């Protein structure tokens, strides 16, 4: 008897392990097939409460994880990409969507029969799905087919685990101790507490419901026992979401608490209503034996009813969580910009890449603003403007450090070809943007030297610097605009202009040497003049890199060096046309050209 009991326990634990593994494998496969699209839909379309609830339900039903959906919401709120009110609707939808797994588990209750009916039995269905999954996983080279194979194998393992659990607990229907223990769970407070603790340990409401459905197959679970357990399971499901808020800001903690608050309030409301009415009417169905189907239905109805009742109170829920978690800190623009690079999004590449894109756009704006301010500083120096450039340069440096490490972490995931190209483009670009900001700092230092030493350039040198300034200003604007808008045609204009700027730099250096020989310019002026010219030339080089990186990611096979050679020799993409136009636009006056031998 003891040996049989131990065997049943081992079989039950094995079934639980297979069930959890199968659910994880199926969920991961679903995320890889549709998750990235669902994440972006969730991110961009959760406008109002109803839409958020529908989206949360849909996304959770597809990726089979209310925790994943809710954790994404916490991340969105934490990074400032979503408001707390929006997150409440999505989390409510996730609470409903997670009940779908219970209905999938009900397939394991299908019994075999004779003839065609036997094809729909659990064992047959599991076997067919497993074979198809193994074939797709082992013999297909397509990534999509491999993920579909994971989904099918995960489903088969889940079903087999469910069958193993049902078989292991079937002797319990004759156990007096088990029946007596279940009677205690009919106490609402004890049932809710046990359901909550059990789910907190498993970290999965779907797994907890699955085990409850397996126990229901014994016929020993009544409605009186199931109802408080289901409410407790719903409350315990908030644990992974609460854990995800560790290290989040105040708004992230508010969003995470919504899950616990919603299910907890739902349990309070329906417990009071149900058991109060029962005291008057004495419900006869409390002793009704539950099945897998009725457990799934009870779970869905409880969650749906809770969301329906609380939806009109979203504003009140927002006020409560904001009152419980007060925000007494001041957030500077730098913290708000960096907050979007959430570590929790690394496992969701589509969202992580989108946030990286937005952060890089902010970085580009900072770098461009630094360059424009540095240009302006040459003729109108002030210590305040100089300090602002220094501060902004520090911010750009931090952008490069944070974005660089963040993008590298994203590459550890399985990315699509398009995502790989996108990440590669960003990694190439952030270094060039940071260097442009560095050169802006160098120009600001040159402006400070000009101001402190009282240096003034000759009229000819001022005209040359003005022409160079206009050309560099245009190439930076073109490069940054092409990158932000992903404008390939605009990117093709960068290299011709960079070539013109290189020629201008050579010409300006020759002109300066000529003025030195004639005694028009001094060595002090010459050092600063050359510093400015060198920085202008380096800025145009980095703009060229940005343009080439953009073109490279749009081509399957691309060699930047070969591209530049072919661009000049074969004159692809209207190189001659753009080069001629820029040469005329930024031509030096004839009298400014070098007359030296």
Protein backbone atom coordinates (compact mmCIF):
# COMPACT_ATOMS: atom_id res chain seq x y z
CA UNK A 1 0.00 0.00 0.00
CA UNK A 2 2.85 2.36 0.91
CA UNK A 3 4.68 1.43 -2.30
CA UNK A 4 1.58 2.21 -4.33
CA UNK A 5 1.21 5.60 -2.63
CA UNK A 6 4.83 6.53 -3.32
CA UNK A 7 4.43 5.44 -6.93
CA UNK A 8 1.35 7.64 -7.30
CA UNK A 9 3.18 10.63 -5.79
CA UNK A 10 6.10 10.17 -8.18
CA UNK A 11 3.69 9.82 -11.10
CA UNK A 12 1.87 12.98 -10.00
CA UNK A 13 5.11 14.97 -9.73
CA UNK A 14 6.24 13.66 -13.10
CA UNK A 15 2.93 14.71 -14.60
CA UNK A 16 3.26 18.19 -13.07
CA UNK A 17 6.81 18.49 -14.43
CA UNK A 18 5.73 17.44 -17.93
CA UNK A 19 2.72 19.74 -17.76
CA UNK A 20 4.84 22.76 -16.79
CA UNK A 21 7.51 21.95 -19.37
CA UNK A 22 4.93 21.43 -22.12
CA UNK A 23 3.16 24.68 -21.26
CA UNK A 24 6.49 26.57 -21.29
CA UNK A 25 7.55 25.02 -24.60
CA UNK A 26 4.18 25.73 -26.21
CA UNK A 27 4.12 29.29 -24.82
CA UNK A 28 7.66 30.06 -26.02
CA UNK A 29 6.81 28.74 -29.47
CA UNK A 30 3.68 30.84 -29.62
CA UNK A 31 5.64 33.94 -28.59
CA UNK A 32 8.23 33.34 -31.30
CA UNK A 33 5.60 32.79 -33.99
CA UNK A 34 3.25 35.63 -33.09
CA UNK A 35 4.65 37.23 -29.97
CA UNK A 36 6.65 40.03 -31.61
CA UNK A 37 3.64 41.16 -33.61
CA UNK A 38 1.39 40.91 -30.57
CA UNK A 39 3.83 42.89 -28.45
CA UNK A 40 3.94 45.75 -30.92
CA UNK A 41 0.15 45.72 -31.28
CA UNK A 42 -0.12 45.88 -27.50
CA UNK A 43 2.40 48.71 -27.37
CA UNK A 44 0.86 50.87 -30.08
CA UNK A 45 -2.90 50.25 -29.91
CA UNK A 46 -3.87 50.21 -26.22
CA UNK A 47 -5.62 53.57 -26.48
CA UNK A 48 -8.70 53.33 -24.26
CA UNK A 49 -10.01 50.96 -21.59
CA UNK A 50 -12.19 48.75 -23.81
CA UNK A 51 -9.56 48.52 -26.51
CA UNK A 52 -6.94 47.73 -23.87
CA UNK A 53 -9.08 44.95 -22.38
CA UNK A 54 -9.70 43.40 -25.81
CA UNK A 55 -6.03 43.63 -26.73
CA UNK A 56 -4.92 42.21 -23.38
CA UNK A 57 -7.33 39.30 -23.78
CA UNK A 58 -6.26 38.63 -27.36
CA UNK A 59 -2.52 38.87 -26.74
CA UNK A 60 -2.68 36.67 -23.62
CA UNK A 61 -4.82 34.07 -25.42
CA UNK A 62 -2.20 33.87 -28.17
CA UNK A 63 1.01 33.89 -26.14
CA UNK A 64 -0.62 31.86 -23.32
CA UNK A 65 0.78 33.92 -20.48
CA UNK A 66 -0.96 36.64 -18.50
CA UNK A 67 2.30 37.20 -16.64
CA UNK A 68 4.18 37.96 -19.88
CA UNK A 69 1.49 40.40 -21.00
CA UNK A 70 1.32 42.11 -17.61
CA UNK A 71 5.11 42.28 -17.25
CA UNK A 72 5.30 43.98 -20.65
CA UNK A 73 2.74 46.51 -19.44
CA UNK A 74 4.78 47.14 -16.29
CA UNK A 75 7.79 47.76 -18.51
CA UNK A 76 5.85 50.11 -20.80
CA UNK A 77 4.60 52.10 -17.84
CA UNK A 78 8.01 52.08 -16.17
CA UNK A 79 9.61 53.53 -19.30
CA UNK A 80 6.91 56.15 -19.75
CA UNK A 81 5.62 54.61 -23.00
CA UNK A 82 2.22 53.79 -21.51
CA UNK A 83 0.04 55.47 -18.90
CA UNK A 84 -1.10 53.64 -15.77
CA UNK A 85 -4.73 53.97 -16.92
CA UNK A 86 -3.90 52.25 -20.22
CA UNK A 87 -2.07 49.45 -18.41
CA UNK A 88 -5.08 48.78 -16.17
CA UNK A 89 -7.22 47.91 -19.20
CA UNK A 90 -4.58 45.64 -20.72
CA UNK A 91 -3.95 43.84 -17.42
CA UNK A 92 -7.68 43.28 -16.98
CA UNK A 93 -7.71 41.73 -20.45
CA UNK A 94 -4.78 39.51 -19.50
CA UNK A 95 -6.73 38.30 -16.47
CA UNK A 96 -9.48 37.08 -18.82
CA UNK A 97 -7.13 35.76 -21.51
CA UNK A 98 -5.23 33.42 -19.21
CA UNK A 99 -8.39 31.33 -18.71
CA UNK A 100 -8.07 30.04 -22.28
CA UNK A 101 -5.43 27.51 -21.17
CA UNK A 102 -8.04 25.77 -19.00
CA UNK A 103 -10.19 25.13 -22.07
CA UNK A 104 -7.20 23.71 -23.96
CA UNK A 105 -6.61 21.33 -21.06
CA UNK A 106 -10.22 20.12 -21.38
CA UNK A 107 -9.16 18.32 -24.56
CA UNK A 108 -7.45 15.77 -22.34
CA UNK A 109 -10.89 14.76 -21.05
CA UNK A 110 -11.95 13.46 -24.47
CA UNK A 111 -12.60 9.74 -24.21
CA UNK A 112 -11.95 7.19 -26.89
CA UNK A 113 -14.69 5.15 -28.45
CA UNK A 114 -15.13 2.98 -31.44
CA UNK A 115 -14.68 3.79 -35.10
CA UNK A 116 -14.04 7.40 -36.03
CA UNK A 117 -14.61 8.57 -32.46
CA UNK A 118 -11.35 6.92 -31.36
CA UNK A 119 -9.44 9.34 -33.60
CA UNK A 120 -10.44 12.14 -31.24
CA UNK A 121 -9.30 10.46 -28.04
CA UNK A 122 -6.59 12.09 -25.95
CA UNK A 123 -3.94 9.49 -26.68
CA UNK A 124 -4.54 9.60 -30.46
CA UNK A 125 -4.64 13.40 -30.59
CA UNK A 126 -1.49 13.69 -28.46
CA UNK A 127 0.34 11.12 -30.58
CA UNK A 128 -0.53 12.75 -33.91
CA UNK A 129 0.37 16.23 -32.68
CA UNK A 130 3.66 14.97 -31.21
CA UNK A 131 4.68 13.22 -34.44
CA UNK A 132 3.92 16.30 -36.55
CA UNK A 133 5.81 18.48 -34.08
CA UNK A 134 8.88 16.22 -34.11
CA UNK A 135 8.90 16.13 -37.93
CA UNK A 136 8.71 19.92 -38.19
CA UNK A 137 11.35 20.40 -35.49
CA UNK A 138 13.87 17.90 -36.80
CA UNK A 139 13.50 17.93 -40.56
CA UNK A 140 12.51 21.49 -41.48
CA UNK A 141 15.18 24.16 -41.93
CA UNK A 142 12.71 27.03 -41.77
CA UNK A 143 12.67 28.91 -38.51
CA UNK A 144 8.90 29.32 -38.56
CA UNK A 145 8.35 25.58 -39.00
CA UNK A 146 10.69 24.89 -36.06
CA UNK A 147 8.65 27.19 -33.83
CA UNK A 148 5.39 25.56 -34.94
CA UNK A 149 7.01 22.23 -34.12
CA UNK A 150 7.80 23.52 -30.62
CA UNK A 151 4.16 24.57 -30.20
CA UNK A 152 2.88 21.14 -31.22
CA UNK A 153 5.40 19.24 -29.11
CA UNK A 154 4.67 21.52 -26.16
CA UNK A 155 0.96 20.83 -26.57
CA UNK A 156 1.57 17.07 -26.75
CA UNK A 157 3.80 17.11 -23.65
CA UNK A 158 1.23 19.23 -21.81
CA UNK A 159 -1.54 16.78 -22.68
CA UNK A 160 0.59 13.78 -21.68
CA UNK A 161 1.46 15.48 -18.38
CA UNK A 162 -2.21 16.16 -17.79
CA UNK A 163 -3.07 12.52 -18.42
CA UNK A 164 -0.29 11.44 -16.06
CA UNK A 165 -1.61 13.74 -13.32
CA UNK A 166 -5.17 12.47 -13.81
CA UNK A 167 -3.99 8.89 -13.61
CA UNK A 168 -1.92 9.57 -10.50
CA UNK A 169 -4.76 11.21 -8.57
CA UNK A 170 -7.49 8.78 -9.64
CA UNK A 171 -7.02 6.53 -6.51
CA UNK A 172 -7.68 9.58 -4.34
CA UNK A 173 -11.40 9.29 -5.01
CA UNK A 174 -11.43 6.38 -2.56
CA UNK A 175 -9.23 8.06 0.06
CA UNK A 176 -11.14 9.20 3.13
CA UNK A 177 -8.25 11.44 4.20
CA UNK A 178 -8.27 13.24 0.84
CA UNK A 179 -12.03 13.70 0.91
CA UNK A 180 -11.88 15.05 4.45
CA UNK A 181 -9.08 17.44 3.48
CA UNK A 182 -11.10 18.78 0.53
CA UNK A 183 -14.04 19.43 2.84
CA UNK A 184 -11.87 21.90 4.78
CA UNK A 185 -11.14 23.79 1.56
CA UNK A 186 -14.84 24.54 1.22
CA UNK A 187 -14.20 27.15 3.91
CA UNK A 188 -13.90 30.29 1.76
CA UNK A 189 -11.00 31.89 3.65
CA UNK A 190 -8.96 28.68 3.82
CA UNK A 191 -9.72 27.80 0.19
CA UNK A 192 -8.66 31.24 -1.06
CA UNK A 193 -5.49 31.15 1.07
CA UNK A 194 -4.48 27.68 -0.13
CA UNK A 195 -5.18 28.59 -3.78
CA UNK A 196 -3.12 31.76 -3.44
CA UNK A 197 -0.12 30.08 -1.79
CA UNK A 198 -0.22 27.14 -4.21
CA UNK A 199 -0.14 29.47 -7.23
CA UNK A 200 2.60 31.63 -5.72
CA UNK A 201 4.77 28.52 -5.46
CA UNK A 202 4.01 27.35 -9.01
CA UNK A 203 4.27 30.91 -10.44
CA UNK A 204 1.54 30.00 -12.94
CA UNK A 205 -2.23 30.27 -12.71
CA UNK A 206 -2.63 28.01 -15.74
CA UNK A 207 -0.62 25.26 -14.04
CA UNK A 208 -2.61 25.62 -10.83
CA UNK A 209 -5.91 25.39 -12.73
CA UNK A 210 -4.56 22.39 -14.63
CA UNK A 211 -3.77 20.56 -11.41
CA UNK A 212 -7.21 21.45 -10.04
CA UNK A 213 -8.75 20.06 -13.24
CA UNK A 214 -6.75 16.85 -12.77
CA UNK A 215 -8.09 16.55 -9.23
CA UNK A 216 -11.58 17.22 -10.56
CA UNK A 217 -11.26 14.13 -12.75
CA UNK A 218 -11.55 12.07 -9.54
CA UNK A 219 -15.05 13.39 -9.00
CA UNK A 220 -14.12 14.49 -5.48
CA UNK A 221 -13.93 18.24 -6.17
CA UNK A 222 -17.26 19.95 -5.53
CA UNK A 223 -18.30 23.48 -6.42
CA UNK A 224 -17.97 24.49 -2.76
CA UNK A 225 -14.29 23.48 -2.86
CA UNK A 226 -13.50 24.70 -6.38
CA UNK A 227 -14.90 28.23 -6.08
CA UNK A 228 -12.61 29.54 -3.28
CA UNK A 229 -9.63 27.71 -4.80
CA UNK A 230 -10.23 29.37 -8.17
CA UNK A 231 -10.42 32.78 -6.51
CA UNK A 232 -7.19 32.08 -4.62
CA UNK A 233 -5.47 30.92 -7.81
CA UNK A 234 -6.45 34.20 -9.49
CA UNK A 235 -4.91 36.19 -6.63
CA UNK A 236 -1.72 34.10 -6.58
CA UNK A 237 -1.22 34.69 -10.31
CA UNK A 238 -0.18 38.26 -9.48
CA UNK A 239 3.07 37.09 -7.84
CA UNK A 240 5.23 36.96 -11.04
CA UNK A 241 3.96 40.42 -12.00
CA UNK A 242 4.75 41.83 -8.56
CA UNK A 243 8.24 40.33 -8.72
CA UNK A 244 8.78 41.97 -12.11
CA UNK A 245 8.22 45.39 -10.54
CA UNK A 246 11.26 45.04 -8.28
CA UNK A 247 13.62 47.80 -9.38
CA UNK A 248 10.87 49.57 -11.35
CA UNK A 249 9.95 53.17 -10.73
CA UNK A 250 6.78 54.28 -8.94
CA UNK A 251 4.60 54.04 -12.05
CA UNK A 252 5.90 50.54 -12.77
CA UNK A 253 4.99 49.45 -9.24
CA UNK A 254 1.53 50.99 -9.66
CA UNK A 255 0.92 48.99 -12.83
CA UNK A 256 2.14 45.74 -11.23
CA UNK A 257 -0.10 46.22 -8.21
CA UNK A 258 -3.14 46.53 -10.50
CA UNK A 259 -3.09 42.76 -11.15
CA UNK A 260 -3.18 41.89 -7.44
CA UNK A 261 -5.70 44.61 -6.67
CA UNK A 262 -8.09 43.60 -9.46
CA UNK A 263 -8.15 39.87 -8.67
CA UNK A 264 -8.13 40.51 -4.93
CA UNK A 265 -11.02 42.94 -5.14
CA UNK A 266 -12.87 40.51 -7.43
CA UNK A 267 -12.46 37.74 -4.86
CA UNK A 268 -13.78 40.01 -2.09
CA UNK A 269 -16.77 41.22 -4.13
CA UNK A 270 -17.90 37.79 -5.36
CA UNK A 271 -17.24 36.09 -2.01
CA UNK A 272 -19.46 38.58 -0.21
CA UNK A 273 -22.21 38.41 -2.83
CA UNK A 274 -22.11 34.64 -3.34
CA UNK A 275 -21.94 33.52 0.28
CA UNK A 276 -24.42 36.19 1.44
CA UNK A 277 -26.99 35.00 -1.10
CA UNK A 278 -26.18 31.38 -0.21
CA UNK A 279 -27.08 32.06 3.42
CA UNK A 280 -30.54 33.07 2.24
CA UNK A 281 -31.15 30.67 -0.66
CA UNK A 282 -28.92 27.71 0.32
CA UNK A 283 -27.50 26.82 -3.14
CA UNK A 284 -28.00 23.14 -3.88
CA UNK A 285 -25.25 23.03 -6.51
CA UNK A 286 -22.48 23.53 -3.91
CA UNK A 287 -22.16 19.76 -3.57
CA UNK A 288 -22.14 19.23 -7.34
CA UNK A 289 -19.02 17.31 -8.49
CA UNK A 290 -16.85 19.40 -10.82
CA UNK A 291 -15.30 18.23 -14.07
CA UNK A 292 -12.46 19.62 -16.15
CA UNK A 293 -14.98 21.54 -18.26
CA UNK A 294 -16.89 23.02 -15.32
CA UNK A 295 -13.59 24.06 -13.64
CA UNK A 296 -12.55 25.84 -16.85
CA UNK A 297 -15.99 27.48 -17.08
CA UNK A 298 -15.91 28.60 -13.44
CA UNK A 299 -12.43 30.08 -13.90
CA UNK A 300 -13.49 31.99 -17.03
CA UNK A 301 -16.78 33.24 -15.56
CA UNK A 302 -15.11 34.47 -12.37
CA UNK A 303 -12.43 36.37 -14.27
CA UNK A 304 -14.84 37.77 -16.85
CA UNK A 305 -17.36 38.87 -14.21
CA UNK A 306 -14.61 40.57 -12.19
CA UNK A 307 -13.39 42.56 -15.19
CA UNK A 308 -16.93 43.52 -16.24
CA UNK A 309 -17.74 44.85 -12.77
CA UNK A 310 -14.47 46.72 -12.34
CA UNK A 311 -14.14 48.21 -15.86
CA UNK A 312 -16.31 51.27 -15.04
CA UNK A 313 -14.07 51.81 -11.98
CA UNK A 314 -10.75 52.04 -13.86
CA UNK A 315 -10.44 55.70 -12.89
CA UNK A 316 -10.97 54.84 -9.23
CA UNK A 317 -8.45 51.97 -9.43
CA UNK A 318 -5.92 54.37 -10.94
CA UNK A 319 -6.51 56.83 -8.11
CA UNK A 320 -6.12 54.10 -5.48
CA UNK A 321 -2.82 52.73 -6.84
CA UNK A 322 -1.47 56.26 -7.30
CA UNK A 323 -2.43 57.06 -3.70
CA UNK A 324 -0.82 53.87 -2.38
CA UNK A 325 2.39 54.49 -4.33
CA UNK A 326 3.16 58.19 -4.10
CA UNK A 327 5.77 59.67 -6.41
CA UNK A 328 7.83 62.22 -4.49
CA UNK A 329 10.88 62.14 -6.75
CA UNK A 330 11.71 64.52 -9.55
CA UNK A 331 12.65 62.92 -12.85
CA UNK A 332 15.09 64.78 -15.04
CA UNK A 333 14.93 64.51 -18.82
CA UNK A 334 17.98 62.24 -18.85
CA UNK A 335 16.32 59.62 -16.59
CA UNK A 336 13.12 59.78 -18.62
CA UNK A 337 15.05 59.19 -21.85
CA UNK A 338 17.04 56.24 -20.49
CA UNK A 339 14.01 54.66 -18.78
CA UNK A 340 12.72 53.30 -22.08
CA UNK A 341 15.69 50.90 -22.30
CA UNK A 342 14.05 48.38 -19.99
CA UNK A 343 15.96 45.17 -19.20
CA UNK A 344 12.61 43.35 -18.97
CA UNK A 345 12.08 43.93 -22.71
CA UNK A 346 15.24 42.08 -23.76
CA UNK A 347 13.18 38.89 -24.07
CA UNK A 348 10.76 40.71 -26.36
CA UNK A 349 13.05 41.83 -29.23
CA UNK A 350 10.37 43.68 -31.23
CA UNK A 351 9.59 45.98 -28.32
CA UNK A 352 13.25 46.31 -27.27
CA UNK A 353 14.26 47.30 -30.82
CA UNK A 354 11.41 49.79 -31.05
CA UNK A 355 12.46 51.40 -27.77
CA UNK A 356 16.07 51.45 -28.95
CA UNK A 357 14.98 53.21 -32.13
CA UNK A 358 13.17 55.90 -30.15
CA UNK A 359 16.13 56.31 -27.79
CA UNK A 360 18.53 56.64 -30.74
CA UNK A 361 16.28 59.30 -32.24
CA UNK A 362 16.59 61.22 -28.98
CA UNK A 363 20.34 60.66 -29.04
CA UNK A 364 20.45 62.01 -32.60
CA UNK A 365 18.51 65.09 -31.54
CA UNK A 366 20.94 65.70 -28.66
CA UNK A 367 24.00 65.27 -30.89
CA UNK A 368 22.59 67.52 -33.60
CA UNK A 369 21.59 70.18 -31.07
CA UNK A 370 25.11 70.04 -29.63
CA UNK A 371 26.62 70.61 -33.06
CA UNK A 372 24.29 73.50 -33.87
CA UNK A 373 25.04 75.18 -30.52
CA UNK A 374 28.78 74.70 -31.08
CA UNK A 375 28.52 76.34 -34.53
CA UNK A 376 26.66 79.27 -32.98
CA UNK A 377 29.22 79.55 -30.18
CA UNK A 378 32.03 80.52 -32.59
CA UNK A 379 30.55 83.96 -33.20
CA UNK A 380 28.58 84.39 -29.95
CA UNK A 381 30.47 82.75 -27.10
CA UNK A 382 29.00 82.47 -23.59
CA UNK A 383 30.02 80.33 -20.63
CA UNK A 384 26.40 79.25 -20.13
CA UNK A 385 26.12 77.91 -23.69
CA UNK A 386 29.50 76.18 -23.34
CA UNK A 387 28.41 74.42 -20.13
CA UNK A 388 25.20 73.31 -21.84
CA UNK A 389 27.25 71.70 -24.62
CA UNK A 390 29.39 69.94 -22.00
CA UNK A 391 26.32 68.60 -20.21
CA UNK A 392 24.72 67.45 -23.43
CA UNK A 393 27.95 65.74 -24.47
CA UNK A 394 27.83 63.72 -21.22
CA UNK A 395 24.25 62.70 -22.01
CA UNK A 396 25.23 61.56 -25.53
CA UNK A 397 28.11 59.52 -24.07
CA UNK A 398 25.69 57.83 -21.68
CA UNK A 399 23.35 57.13 -24.59
CA UNK A 400 26.11 55.34 -26.45
CA UNK A 401 27.11 53.26 -23.42
CA UNK A 402 23.54 52.26 -22.51
CA UNK A 403 22.36 51.69 -26.07
CA UNK A 404 25.48 49.75 -27.01
CA UNK A 405 25.15 47.26 -24.16
CA UNK A 406 21.37 47.08 -24.61
CA UNK A 407 21.59 46.30 -28.34
CA UNK A 408 24.25 43.65 -27.75
CA UNK A 409 21.96 41.98 -25.21
CA UNK A 410 19.14 41.99 -27.78
CA UNK A 411 21.35 40.02 -30.20
CA UNK A 412 21.43 37.16 -27.67
CA UNK A 413 17.81 36.45 -28.63
CA UNK A 414 16.60 34.69 -31.72
CA UNK A 415 16.01 37.54 -34.18
CA UNK A 416 14.43 37.65 -37.61
CA UNK A 417 16.56 38.75 -40.55
CA UNK A 418 14.92 42.18 -40.54
CA UNK A 419 15.51 42.59 -36.79
CA UNK A 420 19.15 41.57 -37.16
CA UNK A 421 19.66 44.22 -39.84
CA UNK A 422 17.95 46.82 -37.69
CA UNK A 423 20.12 46.09 -34.65
CA UNK A 424 23.25 46.08 -36.83
CA UNK A 425 22.32 49.48 -38.25
CA UNK A 426 21.81 50.91 -34.77
CA UNK A 427 25.10 49.52 -33.49
CA UNK A 428 26.91 51.10 -36.44
CA UNK A 429 25.20 54.43 -36.02
CA UNK A 430 25.40 55.20 -32.30
CA UNK A 431 29.21 55.36 -32.38
CA UNK A 432 29.17 57.87 -35.23
CA UNK A 433 26.56 60.00 -33.48
CA UNK A 434 28.65 60.01 -30.30
CA UNK A 435 31.74 61.03 -32.28
CA UNK A 436 29.83 63.87 -33.95
CA UNK A 437 28.93 65.13 -30.48
CA UNK A 438 32.61 64.82 -29.48
CA UNK A 439 33.61 66.99 -32.44
CA UNK A 440 30.92 69.47 -31.44
CA UNK A 441 32.65 69.65 -28.05
CA UNK A 442 35.97 70.22 -29.83
CA UNK A 443 34.42 73.07 -31.83
CA UNK A 444 33.06 74.56 -28.60
CA UNK A 445 36.55 74.40 -27.08
CA UNK A 446 37.93 76.15 -30.17
CA UNK A 447 35.23 78.82 -29.79
CA UNK A 448 36.25 79.26 -26.14
CA UNK A 449 39.88 79.68 -27.18
CA UNK A 450 38.91 82.23 -29.82
CA UNK A 451 36.95 84.19 -27.20
CA UNK A 452 39.56 84.02 -24.43
CA UNK A 453 42.52 84.89 -26.69
CA UNK A 454 40.60 87.52 -28.65
CA UNK A 455 41.40 85.81 -31.94
CA UNK A 456 39.78 87.22 -35.06
CA UNK A 457 40.01 85.73 -38.54
CA UNK A 458 40.62 87.60 -41.74
CA UNK A 459 37.63 88.37 -43.92
CA UNK A 460 38.71 85.69 -46.37
CA UNK A 461 38.98 83.05 -43.62
CA UNK A 462 35.57 84.00 -42.23
CA UNK A 463 33.98 83.55 -45.66
CA UNK A 464 35.63 80.16 -46.06
CA UNK A 465 34.49 79.01 -42.63
CA UNK A 466 30.96 80.16 -43.43
CA UNK A 467 30.91 78.07 -46.63
CA UNK A 468 32.30 75.07 -44.75
CA UNK A 469 29.81 75.57 -41.93
CA UNK A 470 26.88 75.58 -44.38
CA UNK A 471 28.11 72.39 -46.07
CA UNK A 472 28.69 70.54 -42.77
CA UNK A 473 25.35 71.75 -41.43
CA UNK A 474 23.61 70.32 -44.51
CA UNK A 475 25.37 66.96 -44.40
CA UNK A 476 24.54 66.46 -40.71
CA UNK A 477 20.92 67.42 -41.30
CA UNK A 478 20.75 65.07 -44.30
CA UNK A 479 22.38 62.16 -42.43
CA UNK A 480 20.24 62.50 -39.31
CA UNK A 481 17.02 62.96 -41.28
CA UNK A 482 17.83 59.97 -43.53
CA UNK A 483 18.47 57.81 -40.47
CA UNK A 484 15.39 58.88 -38.50
CA UNK A 485 13.06 58.53 -41.51
CA UNK A 486 14.90 55.48 -42.90
CA UNK A 487 15.10 57.43 -46.18
CA UNK A 488 17.36 55.53 -48.56
CA UNK A 489 17.20 58.09 -51.36
CA UNK A 490 18.28 60.82 -48.96
CA UNK A 491 21.13 58.59 -47.78
CA UNK A 492 22.51 58.45 -51.33
CA UNK A 493 23.03 62.24 -51.22
CA UNK A 494 25.45 62.05 -48.30
CA UNK A 495 28.50 60.59 -50.03
CA UNK A 496 28.60 63.18 -52.88
CA UNK A 497 28.38 66.01 -50.34
CA UNK A 498 31.07 64.37 -48.17
CA UNK A 499 33.34 64.29 -51.20
CA UNK A 500 32.71 68.01 -51.81
CA UNK A 501 33.50 68.77 -48.14
CA UNK A 502 36.78 66.82 -48.41
CA UNK A 503 37.73 68.94 -51.42
CA UNK A 504 36.74 72.09 -49.53
CA UNK A 505 38.94 71.10 -46.60
CA UNK A 506 41.94 70.60 -48.89
CA UNK A 507 41.29 73.93 -50.58
CA UNK A 508 40.87 75.79 -47.27
CA UNK A 509 44.12 74.39 -45.90
CA UNK A 510 45.98 75.49 -49.04
CA UNK A 511 44.40 78.95 -48.82
CA UNK A 512 45.40 79.22 -45.19
CA UNK A 513 49.03 78.33 -45.97
CA UNK A 514 48.99 81.02 -48.63
CA UNK A 515 47.71 83.62 -46.13
CA UNK A 516 50.39 82.62 -43.64
CA UNK A 517 53.09 83.18 -46.27
CA UNK A 518 51.61 86.57 -47.08
CA UNK A 519 51.45 87.51 -43.38
CA UNK A 520 47.67 87.93 -43.50
CA UNK A 521 47.13 85.25 -40.83
CA UNK A 522 49.12 84.42 -37.68
CA UNK A 523 50.12 81.06 -36.24
CA UNK A 524 47.59 81.42 -33.37
CA UNK A 525 44.83 81.97 -35.88
CA UNK A 526 46.19 79.09 -37.95
CA UNK A 527 46.05 76.54 -35.15
CA UNK A 528 42.41 77.32 -34.36
CA UNK A 529 41.49 77.52 -38.04
CA UNK A 530 43.00 74.09 -38.71
CA UNK A 531 41.27 72.63 -35.63
CA UNK A 532 37.92 73.83 -36.91
CA UNK A 533 38.54 72.52 -40.44
CA UNK A 534 39.70 69.13 -39.11
CA UNK A 535 36.62 68.76 -36.91
CA UNK A 536 34.32 69.76 -39.79
CA UNK A 537 35.97 67.13 -41.98
CA UNK A 538 35.65 64.43 -39.29
CA UNK A 539 31.97 65.27 -38.80
CA UNK A 540 31.32 64.79 -42.52
CA UNK A 541 33.16 61.45 -42.36
CA UNK A 542 30.87 60.22 -39.57
CA UNK A 543 27.83 61.43 -41.51
CA UNK A 544 29.12 59.37 -44.42
CA UNK A 545 29.33 56.34 -42.13
CA UNK A 546 25.71 56.86 -41.04
CA UNK A 547 24.58 57.03 -44.68
CA UNK A 548 26.61 53.97 -45.67
CA UNK A 549 25.26 52.04 -42.67
CA UNK A 550 21.71 52.87 -43.71
CA UNK A 551 22.36 51.73 -47.29
CA UNK A 552 24.16 48.62 -46.10
CA UNK A 553 21.23 47.37 -44.04
CA UNK A 554 18.93 47.72 -47.05
CA UNK A 555 21.14 45.46 -49.16
CA UNK A 556 21.66 41.71 -48.81
CA UNK A 557 25.27 41.95 -49.94
CA UNK A 558 27.05 45.23 -49.41
CA UNK A 559 30.70 46.26 -49.17
CA UNK A 560 31.08 49.91 -48.11
CA UNK A 561 34.50 50.26 -49.76
CA UNK A 562 33.31 48.70 -52.99
CA UNK A 563 30.22 50.91 -52.82
CA UNK A 564 32.25 54.12 -52.58
CA UNK A 565 34.47 53.02 -55.47
CA UNK A 566 31.54 52.07 -57.69
CA UNK A 567 29.70 55.21 -56.66
CA UNK A 568 32.52 57.36 -58.00
CA UNK A 569 33.52 55.22 -60.96
CA UNK A 570 30.21 53.95 -62.24
CA UNK A 571 28.26 56.98 -60.90
CA UNK A 572 25.40 55.02 -59.42
CA UNK A 573 22.42 56.70 -57.78
CA UNK A 574 22.92 60.08 -59.44
CA UNK A 575 26.28 60.66 -57.75
CA UNK A 576 27.39 63.03 -60.54
CA UNK A 577 24.18 65.01 -60.36
CA UNK A 578 24.37 65.51 -56.60
CA UNK A 579 28.12 66.13 -56.64
CA UNK A 580 27.83 68.85 -59.27
CA UNK A 581 24.95 70.54 -57.44
CA UNK A 582 26.84 70.56 -54.12
CA UNK A 583 30.05 71.74 -55.80
CA UNK A 584 28.25 74.80 -57.17
CA UNK A 585 26.35 75.42 -53.95
CA UNK A 586 29.47 75.40 -51.80
CA UNK A 587 31.97 76.89 -54.22
CA UNK A 588 34.48 79.37 -52.80
CA UNK A 589 34.60 82.80 -54.42
CA UNK A 590 37.25 82.95 -57.12
CA UNK A 591 39.32 85.47 -55.20
CA UNK A 592 39.50 83.05 -52.25
CA UNK A 593 41.16 80.23 -54.16
CA UNK A 594 44.82 79.56 -53.48
CA UNK A 595 47.21 81.43 -55.75
CA UNK A 596 50.36 79.73 -54.48
CA UNK A 597 52.62 77.56 -56.65
